[in-house]
Structure formats: C-alpha cells, structure tokens
C-alpha cells in the first residue's frame, strides 16, 4: 500500500502491544506518555533502516492490551480504514462491470 506521493517504495510498520499496569515504570505516567515512549523507541530502532535502505515510510503501531492505541497508530488505522473503503468500492465497481 502506498501512503502518498513521492519516491517512497513502501510503508513499513512495527507492532508493539503493552500492558499499562505491567511495569513499575508506568505507574507515574499518563497513558499518552507511555504510548509516546513506545512509539519513540520503535522509531529510534528502525526508522534509519527504513528510510535509508528500504526508502519507505515507517509507522510504529503501539496498542495497549487494555484497549486503545498510540497517536500514530490511530492515524494509521484511520487512513487504512479509508483505503479499505475506497478499495472495496473499486472492487465492487469492477465486479459489477464484468456482469454488464
């Protein structure tokens, strides 16, 4: 799936699921802070490789086991939903044309 214009060759993701009550280090932080922490860690580990070697885009997908997701994951999920809706419409239109 291509996420926009430019010379990007593709989109890469890294999924992380965490439990907000599992670690003592989470106790003094808000859920948004914990999400942001995990997103930043994934970016630090993988973004250079994705941008330099694969020449694509990178989105860390951070989910909480108790429900909810990080800000970038929410954006990705929203765009993915729109993509699926558009793709489904296109597939339906193409299948209708074959029967005409």
Protein backbone atom coordinates (compact mmCIF):
# COMPACT_ATOMS: atom_id res chain seq x y z
CA UNK A 1 0.00 0.00 0.00
CA UNK A 2 1.31 3.41 -0.91
CA UNK A 3 0.71 6.29 1.51
CA UNK A 4 1.09 9.28 -0.74
CA UNK A 5 3.19 10.80 -3.46
CA UNK A 6 6.93 10.84 -3.69
CA UNK A 7 9.70 8.34 -4.21
CA UNK A 8 8.78 6.07 -1.31
CA UNK A 9 8.87 2.40 -2.18
CA UNK A 10 6.53 1.24 0.56
CA UNK A 11 5.26 1.50 4.07
CA UNK A 12 6.78 -0.43 6.99
CA UNK A 13 5.30 -0.91 10.43
CA UNK A 14 6.39 -2.32 13.74
CA UNK A 15 3.69 -3.55 16.11
CA UNK A 16 4.05 -3.31 19.86
CA UNK A 17 1.40 -4.34 22.39
CA UNK A 18 1.93 -3.46 26.03
CA UNK A 19 0.02 -3.74 29.29
CA UNK A 20 -0.03 -0.36 31.09
CA UNK A 21 -0.15 -1.93 34.57
CA UNK A 22 2.66 -4.44 34.00
CA UNK A 23 5.73 -2.32 34.75
CA UNK A 24 6.55 -0.17 37.76
CA UNK A 25 7.96 2.47 35.42
CA UNK A 26 4.45 3.08 34.02
CA UNK A 27 2.85 3.99 37.36
CA UNK A 28 3.78 7.67 37.39
CA UNK A 29 2.98 8.28 33.72
CA UNK A 30 -0.17 9.07 31.76
CA UNK A 31 -1.25 6.59 29.09
CA UNK A 32 -0.43 9.06 26.32
CA UNK A 33 3.11 9.41 27.68
CA UNK A 34 3.58 5.64 27.72
CA UNK A 35 2.27 5.36 24.14
CA UNK A 36 4.61 8.14 23.01
CA UNK A 37 7.55 6.43 24.76
CA UNK A 38 6.93 3.18 22.91
CA UNK A 39 6.47 4.98 19.58
CA UNK A 40 9.76 6.84 20.04
CA UNK A 41 11.63 3.65 20.97
CA UNK A 42 10.41 1.90 17.82
CA UNK A 43 11.36 4.91 15.70
CA UNK A 44 14.87 5.09 17.16
CA UNK A 45 15.42 1.40 16.44
CA UNK A 46 14.04 1.18 12.91
CA UNK A 47 13.50 4.50 11.13
CA UNK A 48 17.03 4.92 9.74
CA UNK A 49 16.91 1.46 8.18
CA UNK A 50 13.51 2.05 6.63
CA UNK A 51 14.35 5.48 5.25
CA UNK A 52 17.91 4.74 4.06
CA UNK A 53 17.74 1.13 2.91
CA UNK A 54 14.12 0.49 2.02
CA UNK A 55 13.39 4.10 1.05
CA UNK A 56 9.92 3.86 2.51
CA UNK A 57 7.89 5.29 5.35
CA UNK A 58 7.71 3.95 8.88
CA UNK A 59 4.85 3.93 11.37
CA UNK A 60 5.16 2.43 14.86
CA UNK A 61 1.87 0.72 15.76
CA UNK A 62 1.51 0.82 19.55
CA UNK A 63 -1.51 -0.87 21.14
CA UNK A 64 -2.50 -1.18 24.80
CA UNK A 65 -3.70 -4.62 25.87
CA UNK A 66 -6.43 -2.87 27.84
CA UNK A 67 -7.71 -1.07 24.74
CA UNK A 68 -6.54 2.00 22.93
CA UNK A 69 -3.59 2.86 20.73
CA UNK A 70 -0.88 5.43 20.20
CA UNK A 71 -1.40 8.63 18.23
CA UNK A 72 0.48 7.44 15.13
CA UNK A 73 -1.30 4.11 15.25
CA UNK A 74 -4.66 5.88 15.39
CA UNK A 75 -3.72 7.96 12.33
CA UNK A 76 -2.56 4.82 10.50
CA UNK A 77 -5.76 2.99 11.44
CA UNK A 78 -7.93 5.86 10.18
CA UNK A 79 -6.08 6.06 6.86
CA UNK A 80 -6.14 2.28 6.49
CA UNK A 81 -9.90 2.29 7.01
CA UNK A 82 -10.35 4.89 4.27
CA UNK A 83 -8.09 2.86 1.98
CA UNK A 84 -10.14 -0.31 2.56
CA UNK A 85 -13.40 1.54 1.91
CA UNK A 86 -12.07 3.01 -1.35
CA UNK A 87 -10.57 -0.32 -2.42
CA UNK A 88 -13.83 -2.13 -1.67
CA UNK A 89 -15.81 0.41 -3.70
CA UNK A 90 -13.41 -0.02 -6.59
CA UNK A 91 -13.60 -3.83 -6.37
CA UNK A 92 -17.41 -3.70 -6.30
CA UNK A 93 -17.48 -1.39 -9.31
CA UNK A 94 -15.12 -3.65 -11.26
CA UNK A 95 -17.12 -6.76 -10.41
CA UNK A 96 -20.37 -5.04 -11.47
CA UNK A 97 -18.87 -4.13 -14.83
CA UNK A 98 -17.98 -7.73 -15.55
CA UNK A 99 -21.65 -8.71 -15.32
CA UNK A 100 -22.90 -5.93 -17.61
